[in-house]
Amino acid sequence: MENRYTEEGIIQCVIEVLISIHKGDELTIQKLCLPDALWKYDHRVGERNIAAANGASGIAAPKAIFRFVRQDYHIKRLDGDHAVVTGNYRIEFPAGVCLKPLYGDYTIVLAGKKAAFVQVETGQEPVLRHRITAVDEAVYNLKESDILYVEALRGHALWHCGNTVVETVDTLTYLETILSEDFVRIHRSFIVNKKNAASIQRCGGRNGIVVMANGDVIPVPYKKYVAARNKLFDSQSR
């Protein structure tokens, strides 16, 4: 793996790590990773033989892997020869295997030409992420499912993600074009992730509120209440 720390060299290293994981190629994994590398696979900490885990769950077997497709990625170079690589990929299977594509989302930290940290999440649907730049120029790679809601404030947008709030120079009108259909604009100043909405109810007068999974309360104007309720909690919309 010459010239590894060119962009293409870094990505090639990451691809080799991911493919060896899914094939259960322990020898290659040992070659590409530090002995004390930290692992996290589908919320299981310390898992190394990913193919065995896949086979046990019926997701995929190593011999069924047909094609590894690299999709979006982002490289953040750190001091020295360290780099953090995030991205996603797709594994396709032969038609006769009758398996849907397997989507993967990863974060891999490279140190001294080897992986020091590997985190992989897989599923039957692609993981959606948004790479955003905050007003302080910090860059965030947000998983869409972690976004609770986005709030407009004086021409900026506040991304509420659990205990983290990120401020960007965006308008909600623009964000409506890049967020998935899971996001509903229930107020001129709020777009909420319906998968993270806990309840909706009338309160006091004729207006309403949406209570988010973290307990935050979002106002709903009277004229938008019924439409918001239907979009957020209609079983057919989920």
C-alpha atoms as a PDB file:
ATOM      1  CA  MET A   1       0.000   0.000   0.000  1.00  0.00           C
ATOM      2  CA  GLU A   2       2.380   2.645  -1.288  1.00  0.00           C
ATOM      3  CA  ASN A   3       1.471   6.329  -1.087  1.00  0.00           C
ATOM      4  CA  ARG A   4      -1.189   5.485   1.456  1.00  0.00           C
ATOM      5  CA  TYR A   5      -1.481   9.038   2.660  1.00  0.00           C
ATOM      6  CA  THR A   6      -2.597  10.419  -0.623  1.00  0.00           C
ATOM      7  CA  GLU A   7      -6.397  10.699  -0.561  1.00  0.00           C
ATOM      8  CA  GLU A   8      -6.786   7.690  -2.828  1.00  0.00           C
ATOM      9  CA  GLY A   9      -4.260   5.736  -0.774  1.00  0.00           C
ATOM     10  CA  ILE A  10      -6.210   6.410   2.421  1.00  0.00           C
ATOM     11  CA  ILE A  11      -9.480   5.343   0.825  1.00  0.00           C
ATOM     12  CA  GLN A  12      -7.897   2.214  -0.624  1.00  0.00           C
ATOM     13  CA  CYS A  13      -6.697   1.269   2.857  1.00  0.00           C
ATOM     14  CA  VAL A  14     -10.184   1.812   4.277  1.00  0.00           C
ATOM     15  CA  ILE A  15     -11.758  -0.316   1.528  1.00  0.00           C
ATOM     16  CA  GLU A  16      -9.318  -3.147   2.226  1.00  0.00           C
ATOM     17  CA  VAL A  17     -10.210  -3.013   5.927  1.00  0.00           C
ATOM     18  CA  LEU A  18     -13.955  -3.109   5.202  1.00  0.00           C
ATOM     19  CA  ILE A  19     -13.744  -5.928   2.662  1.00  0.00           C
ATOM     20  CA  SER A  20     -11.546  -8.044   4.946  1.00  0.00           C
ATOM     21  CA  ILE A  21     -14.048  -7.504   7.776  1.00  0.00           C
ATOM     22  CA  HIS A  22     -16.980  -8.755   5.709  1.00  0.00           C
ATOM     23  CA  LYS A  23     -15.004 -11.701   4.367  1.00  0.00           C
ATOM     24  CA  GLY A  24     -13.892 -12.622   7.851  1.00  0.00           C
ATOM     25  CA  ASP A  25     -10.262 -12.536   6.669  1.00  0.00           C
ATOM     26  CA  GLU A  26      -8.584 -12.457  10.059  1.00  0.00           C
ATOM     27  CA  LEU A  27      -5.042 -12.502   8.666  1.00  0.00           C
ATOM     28  CA  THR A  28      -5.672  -9.397   6.573  1.00  0.00           C
ATOM     29  CA  ILE A  29      -7.461  -7.709   9.470  1.00  0.00           C
ATOM     30  CA  GLN A  30      -4.389  -8.284  11.658  1.00  0.00           C
ATOM     31  CA  LYS A  31      -2.160  -6.884   8.929  1.00  0.00           C
ATOM     32  CA  LEU A  32      -4.232  -3.735   8.447  1.00  0.00           C
ATOM     33  CA  CYS A  33      -5.112  -2.963  12.093  1.00  0.00           C
ATOM     34  CA  LEU A  34      -3.144  -2.213  15.229  1.00  0.00           C
ATOM     35  CA  PRO A  35      -3.134  -5.064  17.769  1.00  0.00           C
ATOM     36  CA  ASP A  36      -5.029  -2.931  20.291  1.00  0.00           C
ATOM     37  CA  ALA A  37      -7.429  -1.377  17.765  1.00  0.00           C
ATOM     38  CA  LEU A  38     -10.845  -0.530  19.180  1.00  0.00           C
ATOM     39  CA  TRP A  39     -13.843  -2.137  17.459  1.00  0.00           C
ATOM     40  CA  LYS A  40     -17.548  -1.486  17.316  1.00  0.00           C
ATOM     41  CA  TYR A  41     -19.823  -3.328  14.901  1.00  0.00           C
ATOM     42  CA  ASP A  42     -23.598  -2.802  14.922  1.00  0.00           C
ATOM     43  CA  HIS A  43     -23.411  -1.713  18.580  1.00  0.00           C
ATOM     44  CA  ARG A  44     -21.332  -4.766  19.540  1.00  0.00           C
ATOM     45  CA  VAL A  45     -18.029  -3.639  21.024  1.00  0.00           C
ATOM     46  CA  GLY A  46     -14.919  -5.688  20.319  1.00  0.00           C
ATOM     47  CA  GLU A  47     -16.336  -7.752  17.434  1.00  0.00           C
ATOM     48  CA  ARG A  48     -13.609  -8.712  14.951  1.00  0.00           C
ATOM     49  CA  ASN A  49     -14.963 -11.548  12.841  1.00  0.00           C
ATOM     50  CA  ILE A  50     -17.777  -9.598  11.259  1.00  0.00           C
ATOM     51  CA  ALA A  51     -18.541 -12.296   8.713  1.00  0.00           C
ATOM     52  CA  ALA A  52     -19.294 -14.759  11.500  1.00  0.00           C
ATOM     53  CA  ALA A  53     -21.656 -12.268  13.077  1.00  0.00           C
ATOM     54  CA  ASN A  54     -23.345 -11.682   9.746  1.00  0.00           C
ATOM     55  CA  GLY A  55     -23.708 -15.396   9.101  1.00  0.00           C
ATOM     56  CA  ALA A  56     -25.207 -15.973  12.537  1.00  0.00           C
ATOM     57  CA  SER A  57     -27.816 -13.282  11.972  1.00  0.00           C
ATOM     58  CA  GLY A  58     -28.659 -14.417   8.455  1.00  0.00           C
ATOM     59  CA  ILE A  59     -27.636 -11.104   6.883  1.00  0.00           C
ATOM     60  CA  ALA A  60     -24.866 -12.400   4.648  1.00  0.00           C
ATOM     61  CA  ALA A  61     -22.194 -15.035   4.293  1.00  0.00           C
ATOM     62  CA  PRO A  62     -18.682 -14.227   2.999  1.00  0.00           C
ATOM     63  CA  LYS A  63     -19.063 -16.403  -0.114  1.00  0.00           C
ATOM     64  CA  ALA A  64     -22.223 -14.492  -1.043  1.00  0.00           C
ATOM     65  CA  ILE A  65     -20.427 -11.154  -1.378  1.00  0.00           C
ATOM     66  CA  PHE A  66     -20.634 -10.065  -4.985  1.00  0.00           C
ATOM     67  CA  ARG A  67     -19.518  -6.467  -5.261  1.00  0.00           C
ATOM     68  CA  PHE A  68     -18.307  -3.770  -2.880  1.00  0.00           C
ATOM     69  CA  VAL A  69     -19.507  -0.309  -3.971  1.00  0.00           C
ATOM     70  CA  ARG A  70     -17.835   2.743  -2.457  1.00  0.00           C
ATOM     71  CA  GLN A  71     -20.212   5.636  -1.951  1.00  0.00           C
ATOM     72  CA  ASP A  72     -19.755   8.925  -0.091  1.00  0.00           C
ATOM     73  CA  TYR A  73     -16.662   9.462   2.085  1.00  0.00           C
ATOM     74  CA  HIS A  74     -14.896  12.239   3.982  1.00  0.00           C
ATOM     75  CA  ILE A  75     -11.301  12.436   5.183  1.00  0.00           C
ATOM     76  CA  LYS A  76     -10.139  14.568   8.093  1.00  0.00           C
ATOM     77  CA  ARG A  77      -6.368  14.639   8.461  1.00  0.00           C
ATOM     78  CA  LEU A  78      -5.005  14.971  11.982  1.00  0.00           C
ATOM     79  CA  ASP A  79      -1.485  15.545  13.247  1.00  0.00           C
ATOM     80  CA  GLY A  80       1.244  13.428  11.714  1.00  0.00           C
ATOM     81  CA  ASP A  81       0.011  10.415   9.762  1.00  0.00           C
ATOM     82  CA  HIS A  82      -3.338  10.201  11.521  1.00  0.00           C
ATOM     83  CA  ALA A  83      -6.624  10.522   9.643  1.00  0.00           C
ATOM     84  CA  VAL A  84     -10.310  10.025  10.418  1.00  0.00           C
ATOM     85  CA  VAL A  85     -12.349   8.622   7.531  1.00  0.00           C
ATOM     86  CA  THR A  86     -16.148   8.492   7.555  1.00  0.00           C
ATOM     87  CA  GLY A  87     -18.395   7.275   4.800  1.00  0.00           C
ATOM     88  CA  ASN A  88     -20.755   4.619   3.538  1.00  0.00           C
ATOM     89  CA  TYR A  89     -20.786   1.741   1.101  1.00  0.00           C
ATOM     90  CA  ARG A  90     -23.015  -0.923  -0.405  1.00  0.00           C
ATOM     91  CA  ILE A  91     -22.481  -4.657  -0.838  1.00  0.00           C
ATOM     92  CA  GLU A  92     -24.393  -6.250  -3.723  1.00  0.00           C
ATOM     93  CA  PHE A  93     -25.113  -9.957  -4.090  1.00  0.00           C
ATOM     94  CA  PRO A  94     -25.630 -12.241  -7.109  1.00  0.00           C
ATOM     95  CA  ALA A  95     -29.226 -12.447  -8.340  1.00  0.00           C
ATOM     96  CA  GLY A  96     -29.537 -16.087  -7.291  1.00  0.00           C
ATOM     97  CA  VAL A  97     -28.672 -15.316  -3.669  1.00  0.00           C
ATOM     98  CA  CYS A  98     -31.981 -13.445  -3.223  1.00  0.00           C
ATOM     99  CA  LEU A  99     -30.546 -10.977  -0.739  1.00  0.00           C
ATOM    100  CA  LYS A 100     -31.140  -7.255  -0.772  1.00  0.00           C
ATOM    101  CA  PRO A 101     -28.047  -5.028  -0.873  1.00  0.00           C
ATOM    102  CA  LEU A 102     -26.329  -4.567   2.483  1.00  0.00           C
ATOM    103  CA  TYR A 103     -25.561  -0.947   3.347  1.00  0.00           C
ATOM    104  CA  GLY A 104     -22.711   0.029   5.638  1.00  0.00           C
ATOM    105  CA  ASP A 105     -21.744   3.224   7.446  1.00  0.00           C
ATOM    106  CA  TYR A 106     -18.285   3.545   8.961  1.00  0.00           C
ATOM    107  CA  THR A 107     -15.780   5.601  10.910  1.00  0.00           C
ATOM    108  CA  ILE A 108     -12.160   4.434  10.717  1.00  0.00           C
ATOM    109  CA  VAL A 109      -9.187   6.135  12.369  1.00  0.00           C
ATOM    110  CA  LEU A 110      -5.854   5.473  10.702  1.00  0.00           C
ATOM    111  CA  ALA A 111      -2.632   5.840  12.706  1.00  0.00           C
ATOM    112  CA  GLY A 112       0.783   4.979  11.398  1.00  0.00           C
ATOM    113  CA  LYS A 113      -0.616   3.255   8.290  1.00  0.00           C
ATOM    114  CA  LYS A 114      -2.909   0.998  10.314  1.00  0.00           C
ATOM    115  CA  ALA A 115      -6.444   1.230  11.654  1.00  0.00           C
ATOM    116  CA  ALA A 116      -6.580   2.223  15.329  1.00  0.00           C
ATOM    117  CA  PHE A 117     -10.377   2.463  15.550  1.00  0.00           C
ATOM    118  CA  VAL A 118     -13.076   0.778  13.473  1.00  0.00           C
ATOM    119  CA  GLN A 119     -16.795   1.402  13.784  1.00  0.00           C
ATOM    120  CA  VAL A 120     -19.232  -0.130  11.294  1.00  0.00           C
ATOM    121  CA  GLU A 121     -23.021  -0.105  11.203  1.00  0.00           C
ATOM    122  CA  THR A 122     -24.915  -2.149   8.614  1.00  0.00           C
ATOM    123  CA  GLY A 123     -28.525  -2.516   7.566  1.00  0.00           C
ATOM    124  CA  GLN A 124     -30.962  -3.049   4.710  1.00  0.00           C
ATOM    125  CA  GLU A 125     -31.373   0.705   4.202  1.00  0.00           C
ATOM    126  CA  PRO A 126     -28.619   3.269   3.585  1.00  0.00           C
ATOM    127  CA  VAL A 127     -27.630   5.468   6.511  1.00  0.00           C
ATOM    128  CA  LEU A 128     -28.283   9.113   5.682  1.00  0.00           C
ATOM    129  CA  ARG A 129     -25.751  11.667   6.904  1.00  0.00           C
ATOM    130  CA  HIS A 130     -25.362  15.413   6.590  1.00  0.00           C
ATOM    131  CA  ARG A 131     -21.923  16.998   6.676  1.00  0.00           C
ATOM    132  CA  ILE A 132     -22.392  20.532   7.984  1.00  0.00           C
ATOM    133  CA  THR A 133     -20.088  23.400   8.855  1.00  0.00           C
ATOM    134  CA  ALA A 134     -20.886  25.360  12.007  1.00  0.00           C
ATOM    135  CA  VAL A 135     -20.497  29.117  12.338  1.00  0.00           C
ATOM    136  CA  ASP A 136     -17.262  28.501  14.276  1.00  0.00           C
ATOM    137  CA  GLU A 137     -15.994  26.474  11.253  1.00  0.00           C
ATOM    138  CA  ALA A 138     -16.176  23.140  13.078  1.00  0.00           C
ATOM    139  CA  VAL A 139     -17.333  20.342  10.760  1.00  0.00           C
ATOM    140  CA  TYR A 140     -19.932  17.784  11.854  1.00  0.00           C
ATOM    141  CA  ASN A 141     -20.924  14.530  10.185  1.00  0.00           C
ATOM    142  CA  LEU A 142     -24.491  14.104  11.492  1.00  0.00           C
ATOM    143  CA  LYS A 143     -26.448  10.905  11.134  1.00  0.00           C
ATOM    144  CA  GLU A 144     -29.948  11.917  10.077  1.00  0.00           C
ATOM    145  CA  SER A 145     -31.603   9.601  12.567  1.00  0.00           C
ATOM    146  CA  ASP A 146     -29.830  11.467  15.395  1.00  0.00           C
ATOM    147  CA  ILE A 147     -31.267  14.849  14.389  1.00  0.00           C
ATOM    148  CA  LEU A 148     -34.262  15.744  16.566  1.00  0.00           C
ATOM    149  CA  TYR A 149     -35.266  18.981  14.885  1.00  0.00           C
ATOM    150  CA  VAL A 150     -33.878  22.085  13.208  1.00  0.00           C
ATOM    151  CA  GLU A 151     -34.781  25.550  14.436  1.00  0.00           C
ATOM    152  CA  ALA A 152     -34.509  28.879  12.585  1.00  0.00           C
ATOM    153  CA  LEU A 153     -32.905  31.721  14.532  1.00  0.00           C
ATOM    154  CA  ARG A 154     -32.060  35.114  13.025  1.00  0.00           C
ATOM    155  CA  GLY A 155     -31.216  33.780   9.589  1.00  0.00           C
ATOM    156  CA  HIS A 156     -29.276  30.809  10.957  1.00  0.00           C
ATOM    157  CA  ALA A 157     -30.260  27.196  11.657  1.00  0.00           C
ATOM    158  CA  LEU A 158     -29.847  25.365  14.965  1.00  0.00           C
ATOM    159  CA  TRP A 159     -29.489  21.595  14.520  1.00  0.00           C
ATOM    160  CA  HIS A 160     -30.697  19.887  17.718  1.00  0.00           C
ATOM    161  CA  CYS A 161     -29.090  16.462  18.131  1.00  0.00           C
ATOM    162  CA  GLY A 162     -29.578  15.069  21.624  1.00  0.00           C
ATOM    163  CA  ASN A 163     -27.376  17.141  23.926  1.00  0.00           C
ATOM    164  CA  THR A 164     -25.603  18.797  20.992  1.00  0.00           C
ATOM    165  CA  VAL A 165     -26.757  21.936  19.190  1.00  0.00           C
ATOM    166  CA  VAL A 166     -24.930  23.025  16.036  1.00  0.00           C
ATOM    167  CA  GLU A 167     -25.457  26.462  14.514  1.00  0.00           C
ATOM    168  CA  THR A 168     -25.052  26.874  10.751  1.00  0.00           C
ATOM    169  CA  VAL A 169     -25.657  29.591   8.193  1.00  0.00           C
ATOM    170  CA  ASP A 170     -28.655  27.941   6.516  1.00  0.00           C
ATOM    171  CA  THR A 171     -32.322  28.673   5.943  1.00  0.00           C
ATOM    172  CA  LEU A 172     -35.082  26.182   6.670  1.00  0.00           C
ATOM    173  CA  THR A 173     -36.271  26.611   3.080  1.00  0.00           C
ATOM    174  CA  TYR A 174     -32.933  25.279   1.873  1.00  0.00           C
ATOM    175  CA  LEU A 175     -32.805  22.500   4.475  1.00  0.00           C
ATOM    176  CA  GLU A 176     -36.204  21.254   3.322  1.00  0.00           C
ATOM    177  CA  THR A 177     -34.543  20.399   0.005  1.00  0.00           C
ATOM    178  CA  ILE A 178     -31.750  18.263   1.500  1.00  0.00           C
ATOM    179  CA  LEU A 179     -33.448  16.539   4.447  1.00  0.00           C
ATOM    180  CA  SER A 180     -35.355  13.315   3.824  1.00  0.00           C
ATOM    181  CA  GLU A 181     -39.114  12.845   3.875  1.00  0.00           C
ATOM    182  CA  ASP A 182     -38.834  11.955   7.566  1.00  0.00           C
ATOM    183  CA  PHE A 183     -38.573  15.682   8.283  1.00  0.00           C
ATOM    184  CA  VAL A 184     -41.727  17.793   8.520  1.00  0.00           C
ATOM    185  CA  ARG A 185     -41.951  21.575   8.738  1.00  0.00           C
ATOM    186  CA  ILE A 186     -44.638  22.144  11.353  1.00  0.00           C
ATOM    187  CA  HIS A 187     -43.912  25.826  11.978  1.00  0.00           C
ATOM    188  CA  ARG A 188     -42.164  28.574  10.040  1.00  0.00           C
ATOM    189  CA  SER A 189     -39.265  28.240  12.498  1.00  0.00           C
ATOM    190  CA  PHE A 190     -39.134  24.441  13.024  1.00  0.00           C
ATOM    191  CA  ILE A 191     -38.527  21.299  10.995  1.00  0.00           C
ATOM    192  CA  VAL A 192     -38.868  18.117  13.078  1.00  0.00           C
ATOM    193  CA  ASN A 193     -37.782  14.535  12.542  1.00  0.00           C
ATOM    194  CA  LYS A 194     -40.998  12.536  12.786  1.00  0.00           C
ATOM    195  CA  LYS A 195     -39.081   9.476  13.955  1.00  0.00           C
ATOM    196  CA  ASN A 196     -38.014  11.438  17.023  1.00  0.00           C
ATOM    197  CA  ALA A 197     -41.418  12.981  17.789  1.00  0.00           C
ATOM    198  CA  ALA A 198     -42.983  11.481  20.932  1.00  0.00           C
ATOM    199  CA  SER A 199     -46.458  13.085  20.916  1.00  0.00           C
ATOM    200  CA  ILE A 200     -48.632  15.881  19.577  1.00  0.00           C
ATOM    201  CA  GLN A 201     -51.459  17.556  21.475  1.00  0.00           C
ATOM    202  CA  ARG A 202     -53.629  20.620  21.786  1.00  0.00           C
ATOM    203  CA  CYS A 203     -52.783  22.896  24.685  1.00  0.00           C
ATOM    204  CA  GLY A 204     -54.686  25.815  26.129  1.00  0.00           C
ATOM    205  CA  GLY A 205     -56.206  27.671  23.193  1.00  0.00           C
ATOM    206  CA  ARG A 206     -56.373  26.327  19.705  1.00  0.00           C
ATOM    207  CA  ASN A 207     -52.635  25.892  19.095  1.00  0.00           C
ATOM    208  CA  GLY A 208     -50.745  22.690  19.748  1.00  0.00           C
ATOM    209  CA  ILE A 209     -47.348  21.329  20.690  1.00  0.00           C
ATOM    210  CA  VAL A 210     -45.108  18.479  19.607  1.00  0.00           C
ATOM    211  CA  VAL A 211     -43.067  16.841  22.352  1.00  0.00           C
ATOM    212  CA  MET A 212     -39.774  15.439  21.074  1.00  0.00           C
ATOM    213  CA  ALA A 213     -38.047  12.300  22.310  1.00  0.00           C
ATOM    214  CA  ASN A 214     -35.697  14.355  24.493  1.00  0.00           C
ATOM    215  CA  GLY A 215     -38.576  16.312  26.066  1.00  0.00           C
ATOM    216  CA  ASP A 216     -38.197  19.499  24.024  1.00  0.00           C
ATOM    217  CA  VAL A 217     -41.509  21.157  23.142  1.00  0.00           C
ATOM    218  CA  ILE A 218     -42.163  22.554  19.656  1.00  0.00           C
ATOM    219  CA  PRO A 219     -45.147  24.885  18.988  1.00  0.00           C
ATOM    220  CA  VAL A 220     -47.683  24.057  16.270  1.00  0.00           C
ATOM    221  CA  PRO A 221     -49.921  26.836  14.880  1.00  0.00           C
ATOM    222  CA  TYR A 222     -53.656  26.161  14.887  1.00  0.00           C
ATOM    223  CA  LYS A 223     -53.914  26.117  11.095  1.00  0.00           C
ATOM    224  CA  LYS A 224     -51.112  23.542  10.775  1.00  0.00           C
ATOM    225  CA  TYR A 225     -52.130  21.269  13.636  1.00  0.00           C
ATOM    226  CA  VAL A 226     -54.153  18.679  11.695  1.00  0.00           C
ATOM    227  CA  ALA A 227     -51.657  18.508   8.836  1.00  0.00           C
ATOM    228  CA  ALA A 228     -48.768  18.195  11.295  1.00  0.00           C
ATOM    229  CA  ARG A 229     -50.550  15.440  13.228  1.00  0.00           C
ATOM    230  CA  ASN A 230     -51.231  13.494  10.046  1.00  0.00           C
ATOM    231  CA  LYS A 231     -47.691  13.812   8.724  1.00  0.00           C
ATOM    232  CA  LEU A 232     -46.021  12.990  12.024  1.00  0.00           C
ATOM    233  CA  PHE A 233     -48.242  10.216  13.338  1.00  0.00           C
ATOM    234  CA  ASP A 234     -50.238   8.757  10.459  1.00  0.00           C
ATOM    235  CA  SER A 235     -49.177   5.105  10.508  1.00  0.00           C
ATOM    236  CA  GLN A 236     -49.098   5.032   6.731  1.00  0.00           C
ATOM    237  CA  SER A 237     -46.551   7.858   6.660  1.00  0.00           C
ATOM    238  CA  ARG A 238     -44.008   5.920   8.708  1.00  0.00           C
END
